[in-house]
């Protein structure tokens, strides 16, 4: 007997708000594009930003982590890789019109929190860093 094909966790549907190409302004400027990988288990983000005079190009894979033989993670996790050699981990949370991206693990003191406009064409918020700092950041849909 064959096993039924796995299906994506319904909580990934909240990430649909991100699909497309966005112009980023604020403390980092540039463009990001989100697209579903075939199967819709993972969302892929392509990043091309400038921040503090440095260009950051990278790719991020967002979805439920699943180790060999283990069930999928409860949180929607991601790993970001860039041309500066960084590998950064995040947890994504979409609740209604609010997007929270936790640096490292859920509840981290480093996070982004933004709100999508009613028409879904913008997401405005800020990155918050422990001990102060951070910056305002907005995304406007361009494609």
C-alpha atoms as a PDB file:
ATOM      1  CA  UNK A   1       0.000   0.000   0.000  1.00  0.00           C
ATOM      2  CA  UNK A   2       1.348   3.435  -0.874  1.00  0.00           C
ATOM      3  CA  UNK A   3       1.493   6.264   1.607  1.00  0.00           C
ATOM      4  CA  UNK A   4      -0.570   9.376   0.819  1.00  0.00           C
ATOM      5  CA  UNK A   5       1.502  12.311  -0.406  1.00  0.00           C
ATOM      6  CA  UNK A   6       2.350  14.783   2.349  1.00  0.00           C
ATOM      7  CA  UNK A   7       0.566  18.127   2.320  1.00  0.00           C
ATOM      8  CA  UNK A   8       1.858  21.496   3.540  1.00  0.00           C
ATOM      9  CA  UNK A   9       0.831  22.647   7.021  1.00  0.00           C
ATOM     10  CA  UNK A  10      -2.130  25.066   6.724  1.00  0.00           C
ATOM     11  CA  UNK A  11      -0.276  27.666   8.843  1.00  0.00           C
ATOM     12  CA  UNK A  12       2.021  28.278   5.846  1.00  0.00           C
ATOM     13  CA  UNK A  13      -0.921  29.920   4.039  1.00  0.00           C
ATOM     14  CA  UNK A  14      -0.295  33.101   6.067  1.00  0.00           C
ATOM     15  CA  UNK A  15       2.972  33.493   4.136  1.00  0.00           C
ATOM     16  CA  UNK A  16       0.974  34.040   0.929  1.00  0.00           C
ATOM     17  CA  UNK A  17       0.853  37.726   1.915  1.00  0.00           C
ATOM     18  CA  UNK A  18       4.585  37.899   1.173  1.00  0.00           C
ATOM     19  CA  UNK A  19       4.551  36.324  -2.302  1.00  0.00           C
ATOM     20  CA  UNK A  20       5.745  38.800  -4.927  1.00  0.00           C
ATOM     21  CA  UNK A  21       8.423  41.445  -5.331  1.00  0.00           C
ATOM     22  CA  UNK A  22       8.786  44.263  -2.811  1.00  0.00           C
ATOM     23  CA  UNK A  23      10.724  47.538  -2.684  1.00  0.00           C
ATOM     24  CA  UNK A  24      12.266  47.907   0.781  1.00  0.00           C
ATOM     25  CA  UNK A  25      12.865  51.325   2.371  1.00  0.00           C
ATOM     26  CA  UNK A  26      14.037  52.476   5.782  1.00  0.00           C
ATOM     27  CA  UNK A  27      17.200  51.292   7.522  1.00  0.00           C
ATOM     28  CA  UNK A  28      17.852  48.942   4.591  1.00  0.00           C
ATOM     29  CA  UNK A  29      16.982  49.754   0.985  1.00  0.00           C
ATOM     30  CA  UNK A  30      16.557  47.540  -2.041  1.00  0.00           C
ATOM     31  CA  UNK A  31      14.352  44.731  -3.228  1.00  0.00           C
ATOM     32  CA  UNK A  32      13.197  41.334  -1.999  1.00  0.00           C
ATOM     33  CA  UNK A  33      11.201  38.673  -3.834  1.00  0.00           C
ATOM     34  CA  UNK A  34       9.249  35.818  -2.257  1.00  0.00           C
ATOM     35  CA  UNK A  35       8.099  32.774  -4.223  1.00  0.00           C
ATOM     36  CA  UNK A  36       6.802  29.331  -3.330  1.00  0.00           C
ATOM     37  CA  UNK A  37       9.003  26.346  -4.009  1.00  0.00           C
ATOM     38  CA  UNK A  38       7.146  23.620  -5.904  1.00  0.00           C
ATOM     39  CA  UNK A  39       5.005  21.690  -3.410  1.00  0.00           C
ATOM     40  CA  UNK A  40       4.394  24.815  -1.265  1.00  0.00           C
ATOM     41  CA  UNK A  41       6.255  23.457   1.765  1.00  0.00           C
ATOM     42  CA  UNK A  42       8.847  26.263   1.539  1.00  0.00           C
ATOM     43  CA  UNK A  43       8.820  29.940   0.655  1.00  0.00           C
ATOM     44  CA  UNK A  44      12.032  31.247  -0.924  1.00  0.00           C
ATOM     45  CA  UNK A  45      13.129  34.850  -0.425  1.00  0.00           C
ATOM     46  CA  UNK A  46      15.731  36.458  -2.703  1.00  0.00           C
ATOM     47  CA  UNK A  47      17.337  39.482  -1.030  1.00  0.00           C
ATOM     48  CA  UNK A  48      19.207  42.413  -2.610  1.00  0.00           C
ATOM     49  CA  UNK A  49      19.576  45.182  -0.012  1.00  0.00           C
ATOM     50  CA  UNK A  50      21.986  47.929   0.960  1.00  0.00           C
ATOM     51  CA  UNK A  51      22.425  48.720   4.637  1.00  0.00           C
ATOM     52  CA  UNK A  52      25.056  50.918   6.289  1.00  0.00           C
ATOM     53  CA  UNK A  53      26.902  51.263   2.979  1.00  0.00           C
ATOM     54  CA  UNK A  54      27.165  47.490   2.454  1.00  0.00           C
ATOM     55  CA  UNK A  55      25.340  45.419  -0.128  1.00  0.00           C
ATOM     56  CA  UNK A  56      23.634  42.283   1.127  1.00  0.00           C
ATOM     57  CA  UNK A  57      22.550  39.672  -1.409  1.00  0.00           C
ATOM     58  CA  UNK A  58      21.152  36.423  -0.156  1.00  0.00           C
ATOM     59  CA  UNK A  59      18.545  33.715  -0.143  1.00  0.00           C
ATOM     60  CA  UNK A  60      16.261  32.581   2.654  1.00  0.00           C
ATOM     61  CA  UNK A  61      14.291  29.321   2.848  1.00  0.00           C
ATOM     62  CA  UNK A  62      11.174  29.588   5.052  1.00  0.00           C
ATOM     63  CA  UNK A  63       9.031  26.656   6.227  1.00  0.00           C
ATOM     64  CA  UNK A  64       8.741  23.941   8.852  1.00  0.00           C
ATOM     65  CA  UNK A  65      12.052  22.346   9.766  1.00  0.00           C
ATOM     66  CA  UNK A  66      11.944  18.555   9.626  1.00  0.00           C
ATOM     67  CA  UNK A  67      14.930  16.488  10.683  1.00  0.00           C
ATOM     68  CA  UNK A  68      15.376  12.879   9.538  1.00  0.00           C
ATOM     69  CA  UNK A  69      12.574  10.756  10.957  1.00  0.00           C
ATOM     70  CA  UNK A  70      11.135  13.615  13.025  1.00  0.00           C
ATOM     71  CA  UNK A  71       7.835  15.437  12.714  1.00  0.00           C
ATOM     72  CA  UNK A  72       7.848  18.987  11.304  1.00  0.00           C
ATOM     73  CA  UNK A  73       8.718  21.801  13.722  1.00  0.00           C
ATOM     74  CA  UNK A  74       5.825  23.611  15.363  1.00  0.00           C
ATOM     75  CA  UNK A  75       7.251  27.012  14.369  1.00  0.00           C
ATOM     76  CA  UNK A  76       7.779  28.249  10.828  1.00  0.00           C
ATOM     77  CA  UNK A  77      11.562  28.548  10.715  1.00  0.00           C
ATOM     78  CA  UNK A  78      14.016  29.905   8.196  1.00  0.00           C
ATOM     79  CA  UNK A  79      17.683  30.050   7.391  1.00  0.00           C
ATOM     80  CA  UNK A  80      19.208  32.969   5.489  1.00  0.00           C
ATOM     81  CA  UNK A  81      22.494  32.719   3.548  1.00  0.00           C
ATOM     82  CA  UNK A  82      24.244  35.751   2.063  1.00  0.00           C
ATOM     83  CA  UNK A  83      27.257  36.877   0.086  1.00  0.00           C
ATOM     84  CA  UNK A  84      28.885  38.201   3.287  1.00  0.00           C
ATOM     85  CA  UNK A  85      29.066  34.627   4.673  1.00  0.00           C
ATOM     86  CA  UNK A  86      26.194  35.014   7.131  1.00  0.00           C
ATOM     87  CA  UNK A  87      23.858  32.152   7.984  1.00  0.00           C
ATOM     88  CA  UNK A  88      21.036  33.525  10.105  1.00  0.00           C
ATOM     89  CA  UNK A  89      18.060  31.685  11.604  1.00  0.00           C
ATOM     90  CA  UNK A  90      14.600  33.185  12.100  1.00  0.00           C
ATOM     91  CA  UNK A  91      11.086  32.194  13.147  1.00  0.00           C
ATOM     92  CA  UNK A  92       8.191  33.608  11.099  1.00  0.00           C
ATOM     93  CA  UNK A  93       4.770  34.287  12.566  1.00  0.00           C
ATOM     94  CA  UNK A  94       1.778  35.713  10.681  1.00  0.00           C
ATOM     95  CA  UNK A  95      -1.294  36.551  12.742  1.00  0.00           C
ATOM     96  CA  UNK A  96      -4.006  38.428  10.859  1.00  0.00           C
ATOM     97  CA  UNK A  97      -2.333  41.470   9.315  1.00  0.00           C
ATOM     98  CA  UNK A  98       0.761  41.304  11.576  1.00  0.00           C
ATOM     99  CA  UNK A  99       4.084  39.785  10.516  1.00  0.00           C
ATOM    100  CA  UNK A 100       6.662  39.019  13.204  1.00  0.00           C
ATOM    101  CA  UNK A 101      10.110  37.705  12.312  1.00  0.00           C
ATOM    102  CA  UNK A 102      12.011  36.575  15.405  1.00  0.00           C
ATOM    103  CA  UNK A 103      15.835  36.557  15.250  1.00  0.00           C
ATOM    104  CA  UNK A 104      16.860  33.029  16.264  1.00  0.00           C
ATOM    105  CA  UNK A 105      13.895  31.672  18.218  1.00  0.00           C
ATOM    106  CA  UNK A 106      10.332  32.774  19.026  1.00  0.00           C
ATOM    107  CA  UNK A 107      10.368  35.347  21.819  1.00  0.00           C
ATOM    108  CA  UNK A 108      13.865  36.612  20.975  1.00  0.00           C
ATOM    109  CA  UNK A 109      14.679  40.232  21.952  1.00  0.00           C
ATOM    110  CA  UNK A 110      15.690  40.771  18.283  1.00  0.00           C
ATOM    111  CA  UNK A 111      12.683  40.847  15.967  1.00  0.00           C
ATOM    112  CA  UNK A 112      10.804  42.597  13.174  1.00  0.00           C
ATOM    113  CA  UNK A 113       7.126  43.421  13.594  1.00  0.00           C
ATOM    114  CA  UNK A 114       5.141  44.931  10.755  1.00  0.00           C
ATOM    115  CA  UNK A 115       1.547  45.378   9.677  1.00  0.00           C
ATOM    116  CA  UNK A 116       0.176  44.706   6.199  1.00  0.00           C
ATOM    117  CA  UNK A 117      -2.124  47.362   4.769  1.00  0.00           C
ATOM    118  CA  UNK A 118      -5.727  46.344   4.108  1.00  0.00           C
ATOM    119  CA  UNK A 119      -5.002  46.083   0.359  1.00  0.00           C
ATOM    120  CA  UNK A 120      -1.834  44.012   0.986  1.00  0.00           C
ATOM    121  CA  UNK A 121       0.349  46.415  -1.005  1.00  0.00           C
ATOM    122  CA  UNK A 122       2.512  47.560   1.910  1.00  0.00           C
ATOM    123  CA  UNK A 123       3.975  46.185   5.126  1.00  0.00           C
ATOM    124  CA  UNK A 124       5.323  48.759   7.588  1.00  0.00           C
ATOM    125  CA  UNK A 125       7.107  48.156  10.844  1.00  0.00           C
ATOM    126  CA  UNK A 126      10.484  48.110  12.538  1.00  0.00           C
ATOM    127  CA  UNK A 127      13.364  45.865  13.508  1.00  0.00           C
ATOM    128  CA  UNK A 128      14.009  45.903  17.261  1.00  0.00           C
ATOM    129  CA  UNK A 129      17.401  44.925  18.691  1.00  0.00           C
ATOM    130  CA  UNK A 130      18.282  44.062  22.313  1.00  0.00           C
ATOM    131  CA  UNK A 131      19.754  46.979  24.233  1.00  0.00           C
ATOM    132  CA  UNK A 132      18.255  49.537  21.829  1.00  0.00           C
ATOM    133  CA  UNK A 133      18.786  50.188  18.198  1.00  0.00           C
ATOM    134  CA  UNK A 134      16.941  48.763  15.278  1.00  0.00           C
ATOM    135  CA  UNK A 135      15.312  50.693  12.470  1.00  0.00           C
ATOM    136  CA  UNK A 136      12.056  51.440  10.688  1.00  0.00           C
ATOM    137  CA  UNK A 137      11.416  49.328   7.606  1.00  0.00           C
ATOM    138  CA  UNK A 138       8.660  49.332   5.002  1.00  0.00           C
ATOM    139  CA  UNK A 139       7.970  47.149   1.991  1.00  0.00           C
ATOM    140  CA  UNK A 140       5.887  48.229  -0.999  1.00  0.00           C
ATOM    141  CA  UNK A 141       4.689  45.619  -3.483  1.00  0.00           C
ATOM    142  CA  UNK A 142       6.088  46.248  -6.973  1.00  0.00           C
ATOM    143  CA  UNK A 143       5.315  42.913  -8.598  1.00  0.00           C
END
